[in-house]
Protein backbone atom coordinates (compact mmCIF):
# COMPACT_ATOMS: atom_id res chain seq x y z
CA MET A 1 -103.13 -21.72 -37.09
CA LYS A 2 -102.66 -25.44 -37.89
CA PRO A 3 -105.69 -27.64 -38.42
CA ALA A 4 -106.69 -29.97 -35.57
CA TYR A 5 -106.11 -33.08 -37.66
CA LEU A 6 -102.38 -32.10 -37.96
CA VAL A 7 -101.84 -31.18 -34.29
CA LEU A 8 -103.16 -34.47 -32.85
CA PRO A 9 -100.62 -36.77 -34.66
CA LEU A 10 -97.77 -34.46 -33.59
CA LEU A 11 -98.85 -34.68 -29.94
CA LEU A 12 -99.08 -38.48 -30.12
CA LEU A 13 -95.67 -38.69 -31.78
CA GLY A 14 -94.12 -36.57 -29.03
CA ALA A 15 -95.71 -38.71 -26.33
CA CYS A 16 -94.27 -41.89 -27.88
CA ARG A 17 -90.74 -40.44 -27.86
CA SER A 18 -90.85 -39.17 -24.27
CA GLY A 19 -89.81 -42.52 -22.69
CA PRO A 20 -86.17 -43.46 -22.06
CA ASP A 21 -84.27 -45.43 -24.67
CA HIS A 22 -83.80 -49.12 -23.72
CA ALA A 23 -80.29 -50.56 -23.86
CA PRO A 24 -79.90 -53.43 -26.34
CA VAL A 25 -80.05 -57.01 -25.02
CA ILE A 26 -76.73 -58.86 -25.24
CA ALA A 27 -77.83 -62.17 -23.59
CA GLU A 28 -80.45 -63.71 -21.34
CA ALA A 29 -80.31 -65.46 -17.97
CA TYR A 30 -82.53 -66.65 -15.14
CA ALA A 31 -82.60 -65.66 -11.47
CA GLY A 32 -80.90 -68.29 -9.32
CA PRO A 33 -81.77 -67.44 -5.68
CA ALA A 34 -85.27 -67.56 -4.25
CA THR A 35 -85.22 -63.74 -4.20
CA LEU A 36 -82.62 -61.87 -6.25
CA ALA A 37 -82.03 -58.21 -5.27
CA LEU A 38 -81.11 -55.87 -8.13
CA ARG A 39 -79.13 -52.81 -7.07
CA LYS A 40 -79.05 -49.37 -8.61
CA ASP A 41 -75.28 -49.56 -9.00
CA ILE A 42 -72.46 -52.08 -8.51
CA PRO A 43 -71.50 -51.36 -4.84
CA LEU A 44 -73.20 -53.58 -2.28
CA LYS A 45 -74.40 -50.51 -0.37
CA SER A 46 -76.26 -49.27 -3.43
CA PRO A 47 -80.07 -49.22 -2.92
CA VAL A 48 -82.18 -52.10 -4.22
CA VAL A 49 -84.34 -50.96 -7.15
CA ALA A 50 -86.10 -54.27 -7.98
CA THR A 51 -86.26 -57.96 -7.11
CA ALA A 52 -86.61 -61.12 -9.17
CA THR A 53 -87.76 -64.58 -8.09
CA HIS A 54 -86.10 -67.91 -8.79
CA GLY A 55 -86.38 -68.96 -12.44
CA GLU A 56 -87.54 -65.56 -13.68
CA ARG A 57 -86.17 -64.70 -17.13
CA LEU A 58 -83.89 -61.64 -17.20
CA GLU A 59 -82.30 -59.71 -20.06
CA ILE A 60 -78.59 -58.90 -19.74
CA ILE A 61 -77.87 -55.42 -21.05
CA GLN A 62 -74.43 -54.55 -19.67
CA ARG A 63 -71.38 -56.19 -18.14
CA ARG A 64 -68.56 -54.98 -15.90
CA ARG A 65 -66.20 -57.81 -15.00
CA ARG A 66 -68.20 -60.16 -12.71
CA PHE A 67 -71.21 -57.82 -12.45
CA LEU A 68 -74.12 -57.80 -14.86
CA LYS A 69 -76.88 -55.27 -15.41
CA VAL A 70 -80.18 -56.99 -16.13
CA ARG A 71 -83.72 -56.02 -17.01
CA THR A 72 -86.77 -57.75 -15.55
CA PRO A 73 -89.95 -58.50 -17.54
CA ARG A 74 -91.51 -55.48 -15.80
CA GLY A 75 -88.84 -53.17 -17.24
CA ALA A 76 -86.85 -52.58 -14.05
CA GLU A 77 -83.06 -52.54 -14.44
CA GLY A 78 -80.39 -53.24 -11.84
CA TRP A 79 -77.00 -54.80 -11.12
CA THR A 80 -76.18 -58.23 -9.71
CA GLU A 81 -73.28 -60.69 -9.62
CA GLU A 82 -72.91 -63.22 -12.41
CA TYR A 83 -72.75 -66.31 -10.18
CA LEU A 84 -76.31 -65.59 -8.97
CA LEU A 85 -77.69 -66.07 -12.48
CA LEU A 86 -78.37 -69.32 -14.29
CA SER A 87 -78.31 -70.14 -17.97
CA ALA A 88 -81.16 -71.86 -19.80
CA ALA A 89 -79.16 -75.12 -19.78
CA GLU A 90 -78.64 -74.90 -16.01
CA ILE A 91 -82.34 -74.29 -15.41
CA ALA A 92 -83.14 -77.33 -17.56
CA ALA A 93 -80.56 -79.40 -15.63
CA LEU A 94 -82.09 -78.35 -12.31
CA GLN A 95 -85.54 -79.38 -13.51
CA GLN A 96 -84.08 -82.68 -14.67
CA VAL A 97 -82.56 -83.35 -11.23
CA GLU A 98 -85.90 -82.54 -9.59
CA LYS A 99 -87.68 -84.89 -11.97
CA ARG A 100 -85.25 -87.72 -11.23
CA ALA A 101 -85.43 -87.09 -7.49
CA ARG A 102 -89.20 -87.68 -7.52
CA ASP A 103 -88.65 -91.32 -8.56
CA LEU A 104 -85.80 -92.07 -6.12
CA PRO A 105 -86.79 -93.97 -2.96
CA SER A 106 -86.34 -92.11 0.32
CA GLN A 107 -83.35 -93.17 2.38
CA GLY A 108 -84.80 -91.64 5.53
CA VAL A 109 -86.28 -88.43 6.85
CA ALA A 110 -83.91 -85.68 8.01
CA SER A 111 -84.18 -82.24 9.54
CA SER A 112 -81.97 -79.33 10.60
CA TYR A 113 -81.46 -77.35 13.79
CA GLU A 114 -81.40 -74.09 11.82
CA GLU A 115 -82.43 -72.71 8.46
CA LEU A 116 -80.58 -74.53 5.71
CA ASN A 117 -79.92 -73.25 2.20
CA VAL A 118 -80.82 -75.56 -0.67
CA HIS A 119 -78.48 -75.13 -3.66
CA THR A 120 -78.99 -75.75 -7.36
CA GLU A 121 -75.75 -77.78 -7.49
CA PRO A 122 -73.58 -79.54 -4.88
CA ASN A 123 -71.28 -76.56 -4.61
CA ARG A 124 -71.05 -73.74 -2.07
CA LEU A 125 -70.91 -71.08 -4.82
CA SER A 126 -74.04 -72.26 -6.60
CA PRO A 127 -77.22 -70.17 -6.07
CA SER A 128 -79.51 -71.04 -3.17
CA PHE A 129 -83.09 -71.13 -4.47
CA LEU A 130 -84.85 -72.66 -1.47
CA GLN A 131 -84.58 -72.98 2.32
CA VAL A 132 -85.25 -75.81 4.73
CA LYS A 133 -86.86 -74.24 7.78
CA THR A 134 -85.83 -75.15 11.31
CA GLY A 135 -87.39 -78.50 12.17
CA GLU A 136 -88.79 -79.06 8.65
CA LYS A 137 -88.74 -82.70 7.52
CA VAL A 138 -87.19 -83.62 4.17
CA ASP A 139 -86.44 -86.92 2.45
CA VAL A 140 -82.81 -87.77 1.74
CA VAL A 141 -82.62 -89.51 -1.65
CA ALA A 142 -78.95 -89.36 -2.72
CA HIS A 143 -75.50 -88.15 -1.73
CA VAL A 144 -72.28 -87.12 -3.49
CA SER A 145 -68.84 -85.79 -2.55
CA THR A 146 -67.47 -82.88 -4.60
CA PRO A 147 -64.32 -80.72 -4.35
CA ARG A 148 -64.60 -77.35 -2.67
CA THR A 149 -63.75 -75.43 -5.83
CA PRO A 150 -65.71 -72.95 -7.97
CA PRO A 151 -68.00 -74.74 -10.44
CA GLU A 152 -67.00 -74.78 -14.08
CA ARG A 153 -69.82 -72.91 -15.78
CA PRO A 154 -70.16 -71.75 -19.37
CA PRO A 155 -70.23 -67.94 -19.72
CA LEU A 156 -73.66 -66.34 -19.79
CA ILE A 157 -72.52 -63.89 -22.45
CA PRO A 158 -71.05 -65.69 -25.48
CA HIS A 159 -67.55 -64.66 -26.38
CA ARG A 160 -67.37 -62.73 -29.63
CA PRO A 161 -63.87 -62.52 -31.09
CA LYS A 162 -62.83 -59.09 -32.20
CA THR A 163 -62.49 -58.63 -35.91
CA VAL A 164 -59.10 -57.15 -36.71
CA PRO A 165 -58.84 -55.40 -40.07
CA PRO A 166 -56.17 -56.87 -42.33
CA HIS A 167 -52.81 -55.18 -42.05
CA LYS A 168 -51.81 -53.25 -45.12
CA LYS A 169 -48.21 -53.62 -46.08
CA ALA A 170 -46.42 -50.37 -46.52
CA GLU A 171 -45.37 -49.68 -50.05
CA THR A 172 -41.59 -49.37 -50.41
CA LYS A 173 -39.59 -48.02 -53.27
CA TYR A 174 -37.07 -50.86 -53.13
CA PRO A 175 -38.16 -54.54 -52.60
CA LEU A 176 -37.04 -56.28 -49.40
CA PRO A 177 -34.58 -59.15 -49.62
CA PRO A 178 -36.03 -62.66 -49.24
CA MET A 179 -36.26 -64.13 -45.74
CA PRO A 180 -33.64 -66.74 -44.90
CA ALA A 181 -34.74 -70.34 -44.49
CA PRO A 182 -35.52 -71.34 -40.88
CA PRO A 183 -32.99 -73.58 -39.15
CA PRO A 184 -33.90 -77.29 -38.95
CA PRO A 185 -35.11 -78.68 -35.58
CA PRO A 186 -32.61 -80.58 -33.44
CA ALA A 187 -32.40 -84.32 -33.92
CA ASN A 188 -33.78 -85.01 -30.41
CA TRP A 189 -36.68 -82.57 -30.64
CA ARG A 190 -39.18 -85.25 -29.59
CA GLU A 191 -37.31 -85.90 -26.34
CA LEU A 192 -36.98 -82.18 -25.68
CA SER A 193 -40.74 -81.66 -26.05
CA HIS A 194 -41.54 -84.09 -23.22
CA THR A 195 -41.62 -83.04 -19.58
CA PRO A 196 -38.80 -84.79 -17.69
CA ALA A 197 -39.91 -87.61 -15.40
CA GLU A 198 -38.46 -85.89 -12.32
CA VAL A 199 -40.46 -82.74 -13.08
CA GLN A 200 -43.66 -84.76 -13.52
CA GLN A 201 -43.00 -86.51 -10.21
CA ALA A 202 -42.38 -83.17 -8.48
CA ILE A 203 -45.67 -81.80 -9.80
CA ALA A 204 -47.52 -84.94 -8.68
CA ASP A 205 -45.93 -84.77 -5.21
CA GLU A 206 -46.92 -81.12 -4.86
CA LYS A 207 -50.54 -81.89 -5.78
CA ALA A 208 -50.61 -84.84 -3.39
CA ALA A 209 -49.24 -82.66 -0.58
CA ARG A 210 -52.08 -80.17 -1.11
CA PRO A 211 -55.22 -82.26 -1.62
CA VAL A 212 -58.38 -80.43 -2.63
CA PRO A 213 -60.80 -80.28 0.33
CA MET A 214 -64.05 -82.13 -0.30
CA ASP A 215 -67.63 -81.42 0.72
CA ASP A 216 -70.31 -84.03 1.27
CA TRP A 217 -73.73 -83.11 -0.16
CA SER A 218 -77.17 -84.69 0.13
CA LEU A 219 -79.98 -84.43 -2.39
CA VAL A 220 -83.17 -83.73 -0.43
CA ARG A 221 -86.85 -83.58 -1.40
CA ASN A 222 -89.43 -81.59 0.56
CA SER A 223 -93.15 -82.24 0.96
CA LYS A 224 -93.92 -80.16 -2.15
CA GLY A 225 -91.65 -82.30 -4.35
CA GLN A 226 -88.95 -79.62 -4.67
CA SER A 227 -85.40 -81.01 -4.67
CA GLY A 228 -81.94 -79.56 -4.22
CA TRP A 229 -78.54 -80.03 -2.62
CA VAL A 230 -77.66 -79.31 1.02
CA LEU A 231 -74.49 -79.82 3.05
CA THR A 232 -74.79 -83.23 4.69
CA ARG A 233 -73.16 -82.14 7.94
CA ARG A 234 -76.00 -79.64 8.48
CA LEU A 235 -78.61 -82.43 8.48
CA TYR A 236 -79.51 -84.94 11.16
CA MET A 237 -81.47 -88.10 10.48
CA ALA A 238 -84.78 -88.18 12.36
CA ILE A 239 -84.33 -91.67 13.81
CA PRO A 240 -85.25 -91.78 17.55
CA ASP A 241 -82.50 -90.81 19.97
CA GLU A 242 -82.80 -94.09 21.85
CA VAL A 243 -81.50 -95.79 18.69
CA ALA A 244 -79.19 -93.03 17.42
CA GLN A 245 -77.18 -93.19 20.66
CA TYR A 246 -75.58 -96.40 19.37
CA ALA A 247 -74.00 -94.68 16.36
CA GLU A 248 -70.60 -94.63 18.15
CA GLY A 249 -69.53 -91.39 16.47
CA ARG A 250 -70.40 -92.58 12.98
CA ARG A 251 -72.81 -90.74 10.69
CA ILE A 252 -76.17 -92.34 9.96
CA THR A 253 -76.75 -92.17 6.20
CA SER A 254 -80.11 -93.99 5.94
CA TYR A 255 -82.64 -95.74 8.15
CA PHE A 256 -85.86 -97.76 7.75
CA PRO A 257 -88.51 -99.14 10.14
CA LEU A 258 -88.84 -102.94 9.99
CA GLY A 259 -92.02 -103.35 12.05
CA ASP A 260 -93.84 -102.43 15.25
CA VAL A 261 -93.36 -103.99 18.69
CA PRO A 262 -96.08 -103.29 21.31
CA ASP A 263 -94.65 -103.07 24.84
CA SER A 264 -96.56 -101.98 27.94
CA GLY A 265 -98.92 -99.71 26.08
CA GLN A 266 -96.15 -98.21 23.93
CA VAL A 267 -95.27 -99.01 20.34
CA LYS A 268 -91.59 -99.45 19.53
CA HIS A 269 -90.05 -100.10 16.12
CA ASN A 270 -87.39 -102.42 14.80
CA TRP A 271 -84.87 -100.51 12.69
CA LEU A 272 -82.38 -100.94 9.87
CA TRP A 273 -79.73 -98.29 9.41
CA THR A 274 -76.55 -97.66 7.40
CA THR A 275 -73.60 -95.66 8.71
CA ILE A 276 -70.28 -94.29 7.46
CA GLY A 277 -67.13 -93.12 9.20
CA SER A 278 -66.38 -90.01 7.12
CA GLY A 279 -68.25 -88.08 4.47
CA ASP A 280 -65.67 -87.75 1.68
CA LEU A 281 -65.65 -91.36 0.48
CA PRO A 282 -66.76 -92.54 -2.98
CA TYR A 283 -69.43 -94.83 -1.50
CA ASP A 284 -72.54 -94.12 0.59
CA PHE A 285 -72.07 -96.38 3.63
CA ASP A 286 -69.55 -98.82 5.07
CA SER A 287 -71.77 -100.79 7.48
CA PHE A 288 -75.41 -101.66 8.11
CA ARG A 289 -77.12 -102.83 11.27
CA VAL A 290 -80.52 -104.14 12.41
CA PHE A 291 -81.88 -103.19 15.82
CA ILE A 292 -84.71 -105.03 17.59
CA TRP A 293 -86.68 -104.02 20.65
CA SER A 294 -86.18 -106.54 23.46
CA LEU A 295 -89.42 -107.23 25.37
CA ARG A 296 -87.38 -108.89 28.06
CA ARG A 297 -84.90 -106.07 28.75
CA HIS A 298 -87.02 -103.20 27.37
CA ARG A 299 -84.19 -101.79 25.29
CA TYR A 300 -82.75 -101.94 21.78
CA GLU A 301 -80.33 -104.72 20.90
CA THR A 302 -78.38 -105.59 17.76
CA ALA A 303 -79.82 -108.49 15.76
CA TYR A 304 -77.47 -108.26 12.76
CA ILE A 305 -74.47 -106.17 11.72
CA GLN A 306 -71.98 -106.06 8.85
CA ARG A 307 -68.95 -103.79 8.73
CA ASN A 308 -66.13 -102.84 6.32
CA LEU A 309 -68.38 -102.60 3.28
CA HIS A 310 -68.51 -100.39 0.22
CA GLY A 311 -72.25 -99.78 -0.07
CA TYR A 312 -74.25 -97.63 -2.46
CA PHE A 313 -77.72 -96.12 -2.45
CA PRO A 314 -80.50 -96.93 -2.77
CA VAL A 315 -81.19 -99.27 0.14
CA LEU A 316 -84.52 -100.89 -0.70
CA LEU A 317 -87.14 -102.01 1.82
CA LYS A 318 -90.14 -104.23 1.05
CA PRO A 319 -92.62 -104.22 3.97
CA ALA A 320 -94.62 -107.30 4.90
CA SER A 321 -97.62 -107.61 2.59
CA SER A 322 -99.68 -109.65 5.10
CA LYS A 323 -99.54 -111.03 8.63
CA ASP A 324 -97.98 -114.26 7.39
CA SER A 325 -95.20 -112.57 5.39
CA ASN A 326 -92.00 -110.90 6.59
CA PRO A 327 -90.32 -107.65 5.58
CA THR A 328 -87.25 -107.87 3.36
CA PHE A 329 -84.51 -105.39 2.59
CA SER A 330 -81.63 -105.30 0.14
CA VAL A 331 -78.31 -103.43 -0.03
CA CYS A 332 -76.03 -102.77 -3.00
CA ILE A 333 -72.40 -103.48 -2.07
CA GLU A 334 -69.09 -104.37 -3.72
CA ASN A 335 -68.01 -108.00 -3.55
CA GLN A 336 -64.41 -109.22 -3.39
CA ASP A 337 -64.06 -108.94 -7.19
CA GLY A 338 -65.07 -105.26 -7.15
CA ALA A 339 -68.46 -105.88 -8.81
CA ARG A 340 -71.61 -104.38 -7.34
CA VAL A 341 -74.18 -106.91 -6.18
CA ARG A 342 -77.54 -106.50 -4.44
CA ARG A 343 -77.91 -108.76 -1.44
CA THR A 344 -81.39 -109.45 -0.07
CA TYR A 345 -82.19 -110.26 3.56
CA VAL A 346 -85.38 -111.42 5.28
CA PHE A 347 -86.31 -110.13 8.74
CA LEU A 348 -87.92 -113.01 10.68
CA VAL A 349 -89.39 -111.48 13.88
CA ASN A 350 -85.98 -110.83 15.47
CA ILE A 351 -83.60 -112.74 13.17
CA VAL A 352 -82.02 -111.63 9.87
CA ARG A 353 -81.41 -114.25 7.19
CA PHE A 354 -79.60 -113.89 3.87
CA SER A 355 -81.94 -114.89 1.01
CA GLY A 356 -80.11 -114.22 -2.25
CA GLU A 357 -77.81 -112.14 -4.41
CA GLN A 358 -78.04 -110.65 -7.88
CA PRO A 359 -76.17 -108.02 -9.92
CA CYS A 360 -76.89 -104.52 -8.72
CA GLU A 361 -78.82 -102.20 -11.01
CA ALA A 362 -76.94 -99.44 -12.81
CA PRO A 363 -76.30 -96.48 -10.51
CA SER A 364 -78.79 -93.65 -10.90
CA LYS A 365 -77.24 -90.67 -12.68
CA ILE A 366 -78.09 -87.67 -10.53
CA LEU A 367 -75.83 -85.02 -12.04
CA PRO A 368 -77.03 -84.28 -15.59
CA GLU A 369 -74.92 -83.17 -18.52
CA VAL A 370 -74.90 -79.43 -19.27
CA GLY A 371 -73.29 -78.33 -22.53
CA GLY A 372 -71.47 -81.62 -22.95
CA ALA A 373 -69.95 -81.59 -19.46
CA SER A 374 -71.19 -82.34 -16.00
CA SER A 375 -72.89 -79.45 -14.28
CA VAL A 376 -70.62 -80.06 -11.31
CA ALA A 377 -66.86 -80.15 -11.69
CA ALA A 378 -66.56 -83.24 -9.52
CA VAL A 379 -63.19 -84.94 -9.15
CA PRO A 380 -63.76 -88.70 -8.92
CA ALA A 381 -62.22 -90.14 -5.82
CA ALA A 382 -59.77 -92.96 -6.27
CA ALA A 383 -61.41 -96.28 -5.55
CA PRO A 384 -59.67 -98.30 -2.82
CA PRO A 385 -58.06 -101.60 -3.88
CA THR A 386 -60.45 -104.52 -3.80
CA GLY A 387 -59.90 -108.24 -3.84
CA SER A 388 -57.05 -110.27 -2.34
CA PHE A 389 -53.38 -109.32 -2.45
CA PHE A 390 -52.60 -111.95 -5.09
CA ALA A 391 -55.50 -110.82 -7.29
CA ARG A 392 -54.25 -107.22 -7.19
CA MET A 393 -50.69 -108.29 -8.00
CA LYS A 394 -51.93 -110.43 -10.88
CA SER A 395 -53.86 -107.53 -12.42
CA ARG A 396 -50.90 -105.18 -11.96
CA ILE A 397 -48.48 -107.59 -13.67
CA ALA A 398 -50.95 -108.04 -16.54
CA ALA A 399 -51.19 -104.26 -17.00
CA LEU A 400 -47.38 -103.92 -17.06
CA ALA A 401 -47.04 -106.76 -19.58
CA LYS A 402 -49.64 -105.17 -21.84
CA LYS A 403 -47.81 -101.86 -21.64
CA TRP A 404 -44.40 -103.34 -22.50
CA PHE A 405 -45.62 -105.57 -25.35
CA ARG A 406 -47.28 -102.58 -27.01
CA ARG A 407 -43.81 -101.15 -27.53
């Protein structure tokens, strides 16, 4: 019979070894969606064994093509798809966007007729970590157009090149003859290495014939300060319908109240809005308009309008500081030379007057850098020609002369 002081350590040692062996960790990631379901196996019909919340750190322990097996901090293990996970750099970029969005002025309040997914990036395949409820009000602070293509993301699991053992030459009884000298390259090898101009033109024509479809996204901020990207076409600006009816099929991109007008016991507002014809343009609006409430006709009328602009957010509003002062607003637009200028206007009761112009501030960088590249693989849209016909011809001739004299 063994002494008691020898039996107790053996029992404790056996209890420590009774648990399952944990698979080694090959990388780490973070849950992208608001609630991430982890399945027992890869098939979608496999039962859910655990869930993770947005931003929760997960350990990657196995990979099968686009599926990853992860372990939660509570020890639960399950399978999910790779695109639903975020890297540490992407989490930091999302926090950076949210931080920048807090300081951006609101361009108007918007809502949705149905639940709307809020994405980490302006891309349909990026994880949705938040939802805008039906009728919930959010502030629109920025907008961007991006191609409808999968985002370029660094791999969550770093690539490790396989180490190939050095090849051992077989020992021969008789030595091999020396290798002949390689033939010299042809004299016109430089010309042969270039793609012919007709082939380049054919490739360009094929790409032009199949343009990449674009999506228009808005950066929104809810009442809790959380920010993310939503499809712009799923939002509607919460300006009153009696004003929105004058949009003439154009999309309202921003709006601001310019003051109250009492009328027969009701309070109406004067409004400034910006609109755009389509959502896949490199600028934020192409016209702005001021509406006033007419006490004589009891309806809204246009006090000022400008069309055919290339305007950029933010539109800034400075309310009247006292009864003797007047509200002012400013818009950032491109002038005839292609430079961005901020033009300021004063709203005098029911008249709009231009008060000055100055260079526009540098555009706010919304999309941060992740791993040396933008977190969104956005294709910059070609800017339309600006300036007069003679100015464009002059710049084109100067570019051609510079090109030829370099030779």
